[in-house]
PDB file of all heavy atoms in Angstrom:
ATOM      1  N   LEU A   1     138.490  86.663 132.269  1.00  0.00           N
ATOM      2  CA  LEU A   1     138.693  86.199 133.627  1.00  0.00           C
ATOM      3  C   LEU A   1     139.029  87.350 134.533  1.00  0.00           C
ATOM      4  O   LEU A   1     139.774  88.255 134.154  1.00  0.00           O
ATOM      5  CB  LEU A   1     139.830  85.187 133.661  1.00  0.00           C
ATOM      6  CG  LEU A   1     139.660  83.912 132.842  1.00  0.00           C
ATOM      7  CD1 LEU A   1     140.960  83.089 132.884  1.00  0.00           C
ATOM      8  CD2 LEU A   1     138.500  83.082 133.383  1.00  0.00           C
ATOM      9  N   THR A   2     138.458  87.348 135.741  1.00  0.00           N
ATOM     10  CA  THR A   2     138.771  88.326 136.753  1.00  0.00           C
ATOM     11  C   THR A   2     139.167  87.573 138.030  1.00  0.00           C
ATOM     12  O   THR A   2     138.456  86.646 138.426  1.00  0.00           O
ATOM     13  CB  THR A   2     137.567  89.235 137.049  1.00  0.00           C
ATOM     14  OG1 THR A   2     137.130  89.796 135.819  1.00  0.00           O
ATOM     15  CG2 THR A   2     137.942  90.331 138.017  1.00  0.00           C
ATOM     16  N   PHE A   3     140.275  87.962 138.643  1.00  0.00           N
ATOM     17  CA  PHE A   3     140.764  87.310 139.855  1.00  0.00           C
ATOM     18  C   PHE A   3     140.727  88.288 141.011  1.00  0.00           C
ATOM     19  O   PHE A   3     141.347  89.362 140.955  1.00  0.00           O
ATOM     20  CB  PHE A   3     142.200  86.820 139.641  1.00  0.00           C
ATOM     21  CG  PHE A   3     142.315  85.771 138.589  1.00  0.00           C
ATOM     22  CD1 PHE A   3     142.405  86.081 137.243  1.00  0.00           C
ATOM     23  CD2 PHE A   3     142.299  84.438 138.950  1.00  0.00           C
ATOM     24  CE1 PHE A   3     142.507  85.100 136.274  1.00  0.00           C
ATOM     25  CE2 PHE A   3     142.371  83.444 137.977  1.00  0.00           C
ATOM     26  CZ  PHE A   3     142.481  83.775 136.661  1.00  0.00           C
ATOM     27  N   THR A   4     139.972  87.935 142.060  1.00  0.00           N
ATOM     28  CA  THR A   4     139.835  88.807 143.227  1.00  0.00           C
ATOM     29  C   THR A   4     139.862  87.978 144.512  1.00  0.00           C
ATOM     30  O   THR A   4     139.790  86.755 144.451  1.00  0.00           O
ATOM     31  CB  THR A   4     138.479  89.590 143.180  1.00  0.00           C
ATOM     32  OG1 THR A   4     137.412  88.644 143.252  1.00  0.00           O
ATOM     33  CG2 THR A   4     138.350  90.434 141.932  1.00  0.00           C
ATOM     34  N   ASP A   5     139.880  88.687 145.630  1.00  0.00           N
ATOM     35  CA  ASP A   5     139.656  87.998 146.898  1.00  0.00           C
ATOM     36  C   ASP A   5     138.153  87.996 147.166  1.00  0.00           C
ATOM     37  O   ASP A   5     137.377  88.521 146.330  1.00  0.00           O
ATOM     38  CB  ASP A   5     140.456  88.644 148.053  1.00  0.00           C
ATOM     39  CG  ASP A   5     140.062  90.090 148.313  1.00  0.00           C
ATOM     40  OD1 ASP A   5     139.036  90.565 147.779  1.00  0.00           O
ATOM     41  OD2 ASP A   5     140.785  90.756 149.077  1.00  0.00           O
ATOM     42  N   VAL A   6     137.730  87.434 148.282  1.00  0.00           N
ATOM     43  CA  VAL A   6     136.273  87.336 148.535  1.00  0.00           C
ATOM     44  C   VAL A   6     135.639  88.693 148.754  1.00  0.00           C
ATOM     45  O   VAL A   6     134.408  88.820 148.645  1.00  0.00           O
ATOM     46  CB  VAL A   6     135.991  86.384 149.699  1.00  0.00           C
ATOM     47  CG1 VAL A   6     136.304  84.947 149.326  1.00  0.00           C
ATOM     48  CG2 VAL A   6     136.726  86.773 150.945  1.00  0.00           C
ATOM     49  N   SER A   7     136.414  89.725 149.033  1.00  0.00           N
ATOM     50  CA  SER A   7     135.872  91.073 149.217  1.00  0.00           C
ATOM     51  C   SER A   7     135.763  91.841 147.886  1.00  0.00           C
ATOM     52  O   SER A   7     135.285  92.974 147.874  1.00  0.00           O
ATOM     53  CB  SER A   7     136.736  91.888 150.198  1.00  0.00           C
ATOM     54  OG  SER A   7     136.799  91.234 151.443  1.00  0.00           O
ATOM     55  N   GLY A   8     136.254  91.254 146.814  1.00  0.00           N
ATOM     56  CA  GLY A   8     136.203  91.878 145.504  1.00  0.00           C
ATOM     57  C   GLY A   8     137.424  92.679 145.136  1.00  0.00           C
ATOM     58  O   GLY A   8     137.466  93.314 144.093  1.00  0.00           O
ATOM     59  N   ASN A   9     138.472  92.637 145.977  1.00  0.00           N
ATOM     60  CA  ASN A   9     139.722  93.356 145.708  1.00  0.00           C
ATOM     61  C   ASN A   9     140.585  92.530 144.754  1.00  0.00           C
ATOM     62  O   ASN A   9     140.736  91.322 144.935  1.00  0.00           O
ATOM     63  CB  ASN A   9     140.488  93.629 146.986  1.00  0.00           C
ATOM     64  CG  ASN A   9     139.670  94.419 147.987  1.00  0.00           C
ATOM     65  OD1 ASN A   9     138.995  95.372 147.623  1.00  0.00           O
ATOM     66  ND2 ASN A   9     139.687  94.006 149.248  1.00  0.00           N
ATOM     67  N   THR A  10     141.176  93.175 143.756  1.00  0.00           N
ATOM     68  CA  THR A  10     142.046  92.475 142.819  1.00  0.00           C
ATOM     69  C   THR A  10     143.296  91.995 143.567  1.00  0.00           C
ATOM     70  O   THR A  10     143.898  92.723 144.334  1.00  0.00           O
ATOM     71  CB  THR A  10     142.460  93.417 141.689  1.00  0.00           C
ATOM     72  OG1 THR A  10     141.273  93.868 141.029  1.00  0.00           O
ATOM     73  CG2 THR A  10     143.342  92.717 140.677  1.00  0.00           C
ATOM     74  N   ILE A  11     143.687  90.732 143.334  1.00  0.00           N
ATOM     75  CA  ILE A  11     144.888  90.182 143.940  1.00  0.00           C
ATOM     76  C   ILE A  11     145.741  89.513 142.861  1.00  0.00           C
ATOM     77  O   ILE A  11     145.233  89.178 141.777  1.00  0.00           O
ATOM     78  CB  ILE A  11     144.541  89.163 145.045  1.00  0.00           C
ATOM     79  CG1 ILE A  11     143.657  88.020 144.525  1.00  0.00           C
ATOM     80  CG2 ILE A  11     143.890  89.835 146.226  1.00  0.00           C
ATOM     81  CD1 ILE A  11     143.408  86.915 145.550  1.00  0.00           C
ATOM     82  N   THR A  12     147.016  89.329 143.169  1.00  0.00           N
ATOM     83  CA  THR A  12     147.932  88.694 142.209  1.00  0.00           C
ATOM     84  C   THR A  12     148.460  87.355 142.718  1.00  0.00           C
ATOM     85  O   THR A  12     148.989  86.577 141.931  1.00  0.00           O
ATOM     86  CB  THR A  12     149.110  89.593 141.887  1.00  0.00           C
ATOM     87  OG1 THR A  12     149.783  89.944 143.101  1.00  0.00           O
ATOM     88  CG2 THR A  12     148.646  90.872 141.183  1.00  0.00           C
ATOM     89  N   THR A  13     148.343  87.090 144.034  1.00  0.00           N
ATOM     90  CA  THR A  13     148.757  85.795 144.581  1.00  0.00           C
ATOM     91  C   THR A  13     147.684  85.328 145.566  1.00  0.00           C
ATOM     92  O   THR A  13     146.983  86.130 146.180  1.00  0.00           O
ATOM     93  CB  THR A  13     150.084  85.877 145.308  1.00  0.00           C
ATOM     94  OG1 THR A  13     150.018  86.799 146.366  1.00  0.00           O
ATOM     95  CG2 THR A  13     151.237  86.229 144.389  1.00  0.00           C
ATOM     96  N   LEU A  14     147.618  84.039 145.694  1.00  0.00           N
ATOM     97  CA  LEU A  14     146.693  83.445 146.652  1.00  0.00           C
ATOM     98  C   LEU A  14     147.532  82.708 147.702  1.00  0.00           C
ATOM     99  O   LEU A  14     148.209  81.732 147.377  1.00  0.00           O
ATOM    100  CB  LEU A  14     145.728  82.477 145.928  1.00  0.00           C
ATOM    101  CG  LEU A  14     144.533  82.015 146.713  1.00  0.00           C
ATOM    102  CD1 LEU A  14     143.657  83.197 147.125  1.00  0.00           C
ATOM    103  CD2 LEU A  14     143.714  81.047 145.897  1.00  0.00           C
ATOM    104  N   GLY A  15     147.495  83.224 148.928  1.00  0.00           N
ATOM    105  CA  GLY A  15     148.310  82.655 149.978  1.00  0.00           C
ATOM    106  C   GLY A  15     147.717  81.399 150.552  1.00  0.00           C
ATOM    107  O   GLY A  15     146.566  81.039 150.262  1.00  0.00           O
ATOM    108  N   PRO A  16     148.503  80.692 151.379  1.00  0.00           N
ATOM    109  CA  PRO A  16     148.004  79.448 151.975  1.00  0.00           C
ATOM    110  C   PRO A  16     146.736  79.681 152.777  1.00  0.00           C
ATOM    111  O   PRO A  16     146.604  80.655 153.502  1.00  0.00           O
ATOM    112  CB  PRO A  16     149.143  79.036 152.924  1.00  0.00           C
ATOM    113  CG  PRO A  16     150.343  79.709 152.378  1.00  0.00           C
ATOM    114  CD  PRO A  16     149.882  80.966 151.760  1.00  0.00           C
ATOM    115  N   TYR A  17     145.757  78.814 152.559  1.00  0.00           N
ATOM    116  CA  TYR A  17     144.485  78.818 153.246  1.00  0.00           C
ATOM    117  C   TYR A  17     143.578  80.001 152.908  1.00  0.00           C
ATOM    118  O   TYR A  17     142.557  80.178 153.528  1.00  0.00           O
ATOM    119  CB  TYR A  17     144.660  78.672 154.755  1.00  0.00           C
ATOM    120  CG  TYR A  17     145.616  77.561 155.113  1.00  0.00           C
ATOM    121  CD1 TYR A  17     146.862  77.856 155.664  1.00  0.00           C
ATOM    122  CD2 TYR A  17     145.316  76.247 154.835  1.00  0.00           C
ATOM    123  CE1 TYR A  17     147.760  76.845 155.951  1.00  0.00           C
ATOM    124  CE2 TYR A  17     146.219  75.235 155.094  1.00  0.00           C
ATOM    125  CZ  TYR A  17     147.422  75.533 155.669  1.00  0.00           C
ATOM    126  OH  TYR A  17     148.326  74.519 155.934  1.00  0.00           O
ATOM    127  N   GLU A  18     143.944  80.776 151.905  1.00  0.00           N
ATOM    128  CA  GLU A  18     143.117  81.892 151.467  1.00  0.00           C
ATOM    129  C   GLU A  18     142.157  81.420 150.373  1.00  0.00           C
ATOM    130  O   GLU A  18     142.417  80.446 149.691  1.00  0.00           O
ATOM    131  CB  GLU A  18     143.962  83.046 150.903  1.00  0.00           C
ATOM    132  CG  GLU A  18     144.770  83.802 151.944  1.00  0.00           C
ATOM    133  CD  GLU A  18     145.536  84.953 151.362  1.00  0.00           C
ATOM    134  OE1 GLU A  18     145.740  85.001 150.140  1.00  0.00           O
ATOM    135  OE2 GLU A  18     145.966  85.782 152.151  1.00  0.00           O
ATOM    136  N   VAL A  19     141.019  82.126 150.254  1.00  0.00           N
ATOM    137  CA  VAL A  19     140.047  81.838 149.228  1.00  0.00           C
ATOM    138  C   VAL A  19     140.075  82.964 148.214  1.00  0.00           C
ATOM    139  O   VAL A  19     140.025  84.146 148.585  1.00  0.00           O
ATOM    140  CB  VAL A  19     138.632  81.673 149.813  1.00  0.00           C
ATOM    141  CG1 VAL A  19     137.597  81.491 148.709  1.00  0.00           C
ATOM    142  CG2 VAL A  19     138.596  80.498 150.778  1.00  0.00           C
ATOM    143  N   GLY A  20     140.145  82.605 146.950  1.00  0.00           N
ATOM    144  CA  GLY A  20     140.119  83.589 145.866  1.00  0.00           C
ATOM    145  C   GLY A  20     138.897  83.320 144.988  1.00  0.00           C
ATOM    146  O   GLY A  20     138.261  82.287 145.075  1.00  0.00           O
ATOM    147  N   VAL A  21     138.559  84.319 144.203  1.00  0.00           N
ATOM    148  CA  VAL A  21     137.401  84.243 143.358  1.00  0.00           C
ATOM    149  C   VAL A  21     137.841  84.388 141.900  1.00  0.00           C
ATOM    150  O   VAL A  21     138.584  85.307 141.570  1.00  0.00           O
ATOM    151  CB  VAL A  21     136.391  85.359 143.705  1.00  0.00           C
ATOM    152  CG1 VAL A  21     135.184  85.324 142.774  1.00  0.00           C
ATOM    153  CG2 VAL A  21     135.961  85.248 145.159  1.00  0.00           C
ATOM    154  N   ILE A  22     137.399  83.477 141.069  1.00  0.00           N
ATOM    155  CA  ILE A  22     137.578  83.596 139.617  1.00  0.00           C
ATOM    156  C   ILE A  22     136.195  83.866 139.015  1.00  0.00           C
ATOM    157  O   ILE A  22     135.274  83.085 139.192  1.00  0.00           O
ATOM    158  CB  ILE A  22     138.149  82.321 138.997  1.00  0.00           C
ATOM    159  CG1 ILE A  22     139.526  82.010 139.569  1.00  0.00           C
ATOM    160  CG2 ILE A  22     138.245  82.471 137.466  1.00  0.00           C
ATOM    161  CD1 ILE A  22     140.157  80.714 139.046  1.00  0.00           C
ATOM    162  N   LYS A  23     136.075  85.019 138.358  1.00  0.00           N
ATOM    163  CA  LYS A  23     134.840  85.339 137.674  1.00  0.00           C
ATOM    164  C   LYS A  23     135.067  85.094 136.182  1.00  0.00           C
ATOM    165  O   LYS A  23     135.970  85.658 135.602  1.00  0.00           O
ATOM    166  CB  LYS A  23     134.446  86.785 137.936  1.00  0.00           C
ATOM    167  CG  LYS A  23     134.016  87.007 139.385  1.00  0.00           C
ATOM    168  CD  LYS A  23     133.388  88.338 139.601  1.00  0.00           C
ATOM    169  CE  LYS A  23     133.058  88.481 141.056  1.00  0.00           C
ATOM    170  NZ  LYS A  23     131.654  88.464 141.319  1.00  0.00           N
ATOM    171  N   VAL A  24     134.217  84.235 135.627  1.00  0.00           N
ATOM    172  CA  VAL A  24     134.303  83.862 134.220  1.00  0.00           C
ATOM    173  C   VAL A  24     133.164  84.554 133.473  1.00  0.00           C
ATOM    174  O   VAL A  24     132.000  84.336 133.798  1.00  0.00           O
ATOM    175  CB  VAL A  24     134.197  82.341 134.040  1.00  0.00           C
ATOM    176  CG1 VAL A  24     134.237  81.964 132.566  1.00  0.00           C
ATOM    177  CG2 VAL A  24     135.297  81.624 134.824  1.00  0.00           C
ATOM    178  N   THR A  25     133.516  85.401 132.515  1.00  0.00           N
ATOM    179  CA  THR A  25     132.524  86.119 131.734  1.00  0.00           C
ATOM    180  C   THR A  25     132.323  85.433 130.398  1.00  0.00           C
ATOM    181  O   THR A  25     133.287  85.155 129.684  1.00  0.00           O
ATOM    182  CB  THR A  25     132.967  87.598 131.536  1.00  0.00           C
ATOM    183  OG1 THR A  25     133.208  88.175 132.805  1.00  0.00           O
ATOM    184  CG2 THR A  25     131.921  88.378 130.779  1.00  0.00           C
ATOM    185  N   LYS A  26     131.064  85.156 130.079  1.00  0.00           N
ATOM    186  CA  LYS A  26     130.723  84.512 128.802  1.00  0.00           C
ATOM    187  C   LYS A  26     129.668  85.374 128.120  1.00  0.00           C
ATOM    188  O   LYS A  26     128.801  85.951 128.751  1.00  0.00           O
ATOM    189  CB  LYS A  26     130.179  83.124 129.032  1.00  0.00           C
ATOM    190  CG  LYS A  26     131.209  82.159 129.624  1.00  0.00           C
ATOM    191  CD  LYS A  26     130.790  80.749 129.661  1.00  0.00           C
ATOM    192  CE  LYS A  26     130.546  80.095 128.337  1.00  0.00           C
ATOM    193  NZ  LYS A  26     131.668  79.877 127.471  1.00  0.00           N
ATOM    194  N   GLY A  27     129.748  85.437 126.798  1.00  0.00           N
ATOM    195  CA  GLY A  27     128.796  86.241 126.016  1.00  0.00           C
ATOM    196  C   GLY A  27     127.410  85.654 126.014  1.00  0.00           C
ATOM    197  O   GLY A  27     126.413  86.361 126.070  1.00  0.00           O
ATOM    198  N   SER A  28     127.341  84.334 125.976  1.00  0.00           N
ATOM    199  CA  SER A  28     126.046  83.653 125.989  1.00  0.00           C
ATOM    200  C   SER A  28     125.972  82.797 127.246  1.00  0.00           C
ATOM    201  O   SER A  28     126.972  82.302 127.723  1.00  0.00           O
ATOM    202  CB  SER A  28     125.851  82.825 124.720  1.00  0.00           C
ATOM    203  OG  SER A  28     126.878  81.869 124.629  1.00  0.00           O
ATOM    204  N   PRO A  29     124.759  82.577 127.747  1.00  0.00           N
ATOM    205  CA  PRO A  29     124.639  81.813 129.001  1.00  0.00           C
ATOM    206  C   PRO A  29     124.892  80.313 128.770  1.00  0.00           C
ATOM    207  O   PRO A  29     124.689  79.823 127.666  1.00  0.00           O
ATOM    208  CB  PRO A  29     123.213  82.055 129.419  1.00  0.00           C
ATOM    209  CG  PRO A  29     122.473  82.278 128.124  1.00  0.00           C
ATOM    210  CD  PRO A  29     123.453  83.010 127.246  1.00  0.00           C
ATOM    211  N   LEU A  30     125.327  79.666 129.811  1.00  0.00           N
ATOM    212  CA  LEU A  30     125.382  78.209 129.779  1.00  0.00           C
ATOM    213  C   LEU A  30     123.936  77.691 129.852  1.00  0.00           C
ATOM    214  O   LEU A  30     123.100  78.310 130.483  1.00  0.00           O
ATOM    215  CB  LEU A  30     126.199  77.664 130.970  1.00  0.00           C
ATOM    216  CG  LEU A  30     127.661  78.109 131.049  1.00  0.00           C
ATOM    217  CD1 LEU A  30     128.298  77.631 132.342  1.00  0.00           C
ATOM    218  CD2 LEU A  30     128.435  77.594 129.837  1.00  0.00           C
ATOM    219  N   THR A  31     123.664  76.594 129.224  1.00  0.00           N
ATOM    220  CA  THR A  31     122.306  76.057 129.184  1.00  0.00           C
ATOM    221  C   THR A  31     121.868  75.622 130.575  1.00  0.00           C
ATOM    222  O   THR A  31     122.525  74.793 131.207  1.00  0.00           O
ATOM    223  CB  THR A  31     122.222  74.837 128.207  1.00  0.00           C
ATOM    224  OG1 THR A  31     122.730  75.262 126.939  1.00  0.00           O
ATOM    225  CG2 THR A  31     120.813  74.351 128.070  1.00  0.00           C
ATOM    226  N   SER A  32     120.804  76.230 131.037  1.00  0.00           N
ATOM    227  CA  SER A  32     120.294  75.955 132.394  1.00  0.00           C
ATOM    228  C   SER A  32     119.977  74.483 132.575  1.00  0.00           C
ATOM    229  O   SER A  32     119.348  73.862 131.719  1.00  0.00           O
ATOM    230  CB  SER A  32     119.052  76.802 132.658  1.00  0.00           C
ATOM    231  OG  SER A  32     118.620  76.610 133.959  1.00  0.00           O
ATOM    232  N   GLY A  33     120.423  73.909 133.692  1.00  0.00           N
ATOM    233  CA  GLY A  33     120.175  72.523 134.007  1.00  0.00           C
ATOM    234  C   GLY A  33     121.191  71.566 133.413  1.00  0.00           C
ATOM    235  O   GLY A  33     121.229  70.389 133.792  1.00  0.00           O
ATOM    236  N   GLN A  34     121.983  72.014 132.465  1.00  0.00           N
ATOM    237  CA  GLN A  34     123.026  71.171 131.864  1.00  0.00           C
ATOM    238  C   GLN A  34     124.212  71.062 132.823  1.00  0.00           C
ATOM    239  O   GLN A  34     124.497  71.953 133.617  1.00  0.00           O
ATOM    240  CB  GLN A  34     123.555  71.795 130.571  1.00  0.00           C
ATOM    241  CG  GLN A  34     122.616  71.655 129.416  1.00  0.00           C
ATOM    242  CD  GLN A  34     122.857  70.369 128.677  1.00  0.00           C
ATOM    243  OE1 GLN A  34     122.375  69.338 129.121  1.00  0.00           O
ATOM    244  NE2 GLN A  34     123.537  70.423 127.575  1.00  0.00           N
ATOM    245  N   TYR A  35     124.960  69.969 132.706  1.00  0.00           N
ATOM    246  CA  TYR A  35     126.166  69.784 133.486  1.00  0.00           C
ATOM    247  C   TYR A  35     127.393  70.163 132.658  1.00  0.00           C
ATOM    248  O   TYR A  35     127.504  69.829 131.496  1.00  0.00           O
ATOM    249  CB  TYR A  35     126.293  68.363 133.989  1.00  0.00           C
ATOM    250  CG  TYR A  35     125.320  68.075 135.116  1.00  0.00           C
ATOM    251  CD1 TYR A  35     124.077  67.550 134.861  1.00  0.00           C
ATOM    252  CD2 TYR A  35     125.677  68.374 136.438  1.00  0.00           C
ATOM    253  CE1 TYR A  35     123.182  67.300 135.900  1.00  0.00           C
ATOM    254  CE2 TYR A  35     124.783  68.144 137.474  1.00  0.00           C
ATOM    255  CZ  TYR A  35     123.551  67.607 137.196  1.00  0.00           C
ATOM    256  OH  TYR A  35     122.655  67.378 138.214  1.00  0.00           O
ATOM    257  N   TYR A  36     128.299  70.914 133.271  1.00  0.00           N
ATOM    258  CA  TYR A  36     129.522  71.373 132.650  1.00  0.00           C
ATOM    259  C   TYR A  36     130.688  71.021 133.543  1.00  0.00           C
ATOM    260  O   TYR A  36     130.529  70.778 134.723  1.00  0.00           O
ATOM    261  CB  TYR A  36     129.497  72.910 132.409  1.00  0.00           C
ATOM    262  CG  TYR A  36     128.460  73.325 131.429  1.00  0.00           C
ATOM    263  CD1 TYR A  36     127.170  73.617 131.827  1.00  0.00           C
ATOM    264  CD2 TYR A  36     128.775  73.422 130.081  1.00  0.00           C
ATOM    265  CE1 TYR A  36     126.203  74.014 130.904  1.00  0.00           C
ATOM    266  CE2 TYR A  36     127.814  73.821 129.135  1.00  0.00           C
ATOM    267  CZ  TYR A  36     126.543  74.123 129.583  1.00  0.00           C
ATOM    268  OH  TYR A  36     125.588  74.489 128.662  1.00  0.00           O
ATOM    269  N   THR A  37     131.880  71.014 132.986  1.00  0.00           N
ATOM    270  CA  THR A  37     133.095  70.774 133.734  1.00  0.00           C
ATOM    271  C   THR A  37     133.996  71.981 133.630  1.00  0.00           C
ATOM    272  O   THR A  37     134.321  72.419 132.527  1.00  0.00           O
ATOM    273  CB  THR A  37     133.852  69.536 133.215  1.00  0.00           C
ATOM    274  OG1 THR A  37     132.982  68.412 133.283  1.00  0.00           O
ATOM    275  CG2 THR A  37     135.104  69.259 134.048  1.00  0.00           C
ATOM    276  N   ILE A  38     134.399  72.527 134.784  1.00  0.00           N
ATOM    277  CA  ILE A  38     135.391  73.580 134.799  1.00  0.00           C
ATOM    278  C   ILE A  38     136.701  72.963 135.260  1.00  0.00           C
ATOM    279  O   ILE A  38     136.720  72.152 136.183  1.00  0.00           O
ATOM    280  CB  ILE A  38     134.982  74.767 135.680  1.00  0.00           C
ATOM    281  CG1 ILE A  38     136.047  75.877 135.578  1.00  0.00           C
ATOM    282  CG2 ILE A  38     134.774  74.342 137.116  1.00  0.00           C
ATOM    283  CD1 ILE A  38     135.651  77.191 136.260  1.00  0.00           C
ATOM    284  N   MET A  39     137.782  73.310 134.560  1.00  0.00           N
ATOM    285  CA  MET A  39     139.108  72.866 134.963  1.00  0.00           C
ATOM    286  C   MET A  39     139.966  74.104 135.137  1.00  0.00           C
ATOM    287  O   MET A  39     140.045  74.949 134.248  1.00  0.00           O
ATOM    288  CB  MET A  39     139.736  71.948 133.928  1.00  0.00           C
ATOM    289  CG  MET A  39     141.115  71.459 134.364  1.00  0.00           C
ATOM    290  SD  MET A  39     141.965  70.428 133.158  1.00  0.00           S
ATOM    291  CE  MET A  39     140.846  69.052 133.032  1.00  0.00           C
ATOM    292  N   VAL A  40     140.636  74.199 136.283  1.00  0.00           N
ATOM    293  CA  VAL A  40     141.530  75.300 136.602  1.00  0.00           C
ATOM    294  C   VAL A  40     142.926  74.712 136.656  1.00  0.00           C
ATOM    295  O   VAL A  40     143.173  73.713 137.348  1.00  0.00           O
ATOM    296  CB  VAL A  40     141.161  75.975 137.954  1.00  0.00           C
ATOM    297  CG1 VAL A  40     142.133  77.095 138.274  1.00  0.00           C
ATOM    298  CG2 VAL A  40     139.734  76.495 137.906  1.00  0.00           C
ATOM    299  N   VAL A  41     143.869  75.333 135.900  1.00  0.00           N
ATOM    300  CA  VAL A  41     145.237  74.828 135.797  1.00  0.00           C
ATOM    301  C   VAL A  41     146.188  75.934 136.235  1.00  0.00           C
ATOM    302  O   VAL A  41     146.151  77.057 135.706  1.00  0.00           O
ATOM    303  CB  VAL A  41     145.579  74.408 134.347  1.00  0.00           C
ATOM    304  CG1 VAL A  41     146.978  73.827 134.290  1.00  0.00           C
ATOM    305  CG2 VAL A  41     144.562  73.412 133.828  1.00  0.00           C
ATOM    306  N   LEU A  42     147.054  75.638 137.232  1.00  0.00           N
ATOM    307  CA  LEU A  42     148.053  76.593 137.689  1.00  0.00           C
ATOM    308  C   LEU A  42     149.258  76.549 136.754  1.00  0.00           C
ATOM    309  O   LEU A  42     149.410  75.645 135.944  1.00  0.00           O
ATOM    310  CB  LEU A  42     148.494  76.284 139.117  1.00  0.00           C
ATOM    311  CG  LEU A  42     147.406  76.287 140.187  1.00  0.00           C
ATOM    312  CD1 LEU A  42     148.006  76.022 141.546  1.00  0.00           C
ATOM    313  CD2 LEU A  42     146.665  77.603 140.191  1.00  0.00           C
ATOM    314  N   GLU A  43     150.160  77.531 136.938  1.00  0.00           N
ATOM    315  CA  GLU A  43     151.326  77.630 136.070  1.00  0.00           C
ATOM    316  C   GLU A  43     152.284  76.442 136.224  1.00  0.00           C
ATOM    317  O   GLU A  43     153.038  76.134 135.295  1.00  0.00           O
ATOM    318  CB  GLU A  43     152.076  78.932 136.295  1.00  0.00           C
ATOM    319  CG  GLU A  43     152.728  79.051 137.654  1.00  0.00           C
ATOM    320  CD  GLU A  43     153.482  80.344 137.826  1.00  0.00           C
ATOM    321  OE1 GLU A  43     153.548  81.145 136.871  1.00  0.00           O
ATOM    322  OE2 GLU A  43     154.018  80.579 138.910  1.00  0.00           O
TER     323      GLU A  43
END
């Protein structure tokens, strides 16, 4: 997992009304056209 702001800068907190980016790296691709569910859980 990589956490950045929309400009690509590494950040440690996401302030109110800000947009952050989570980049998920996988060794193999997800099957094209298949439906998947991502769940994000805060602390």
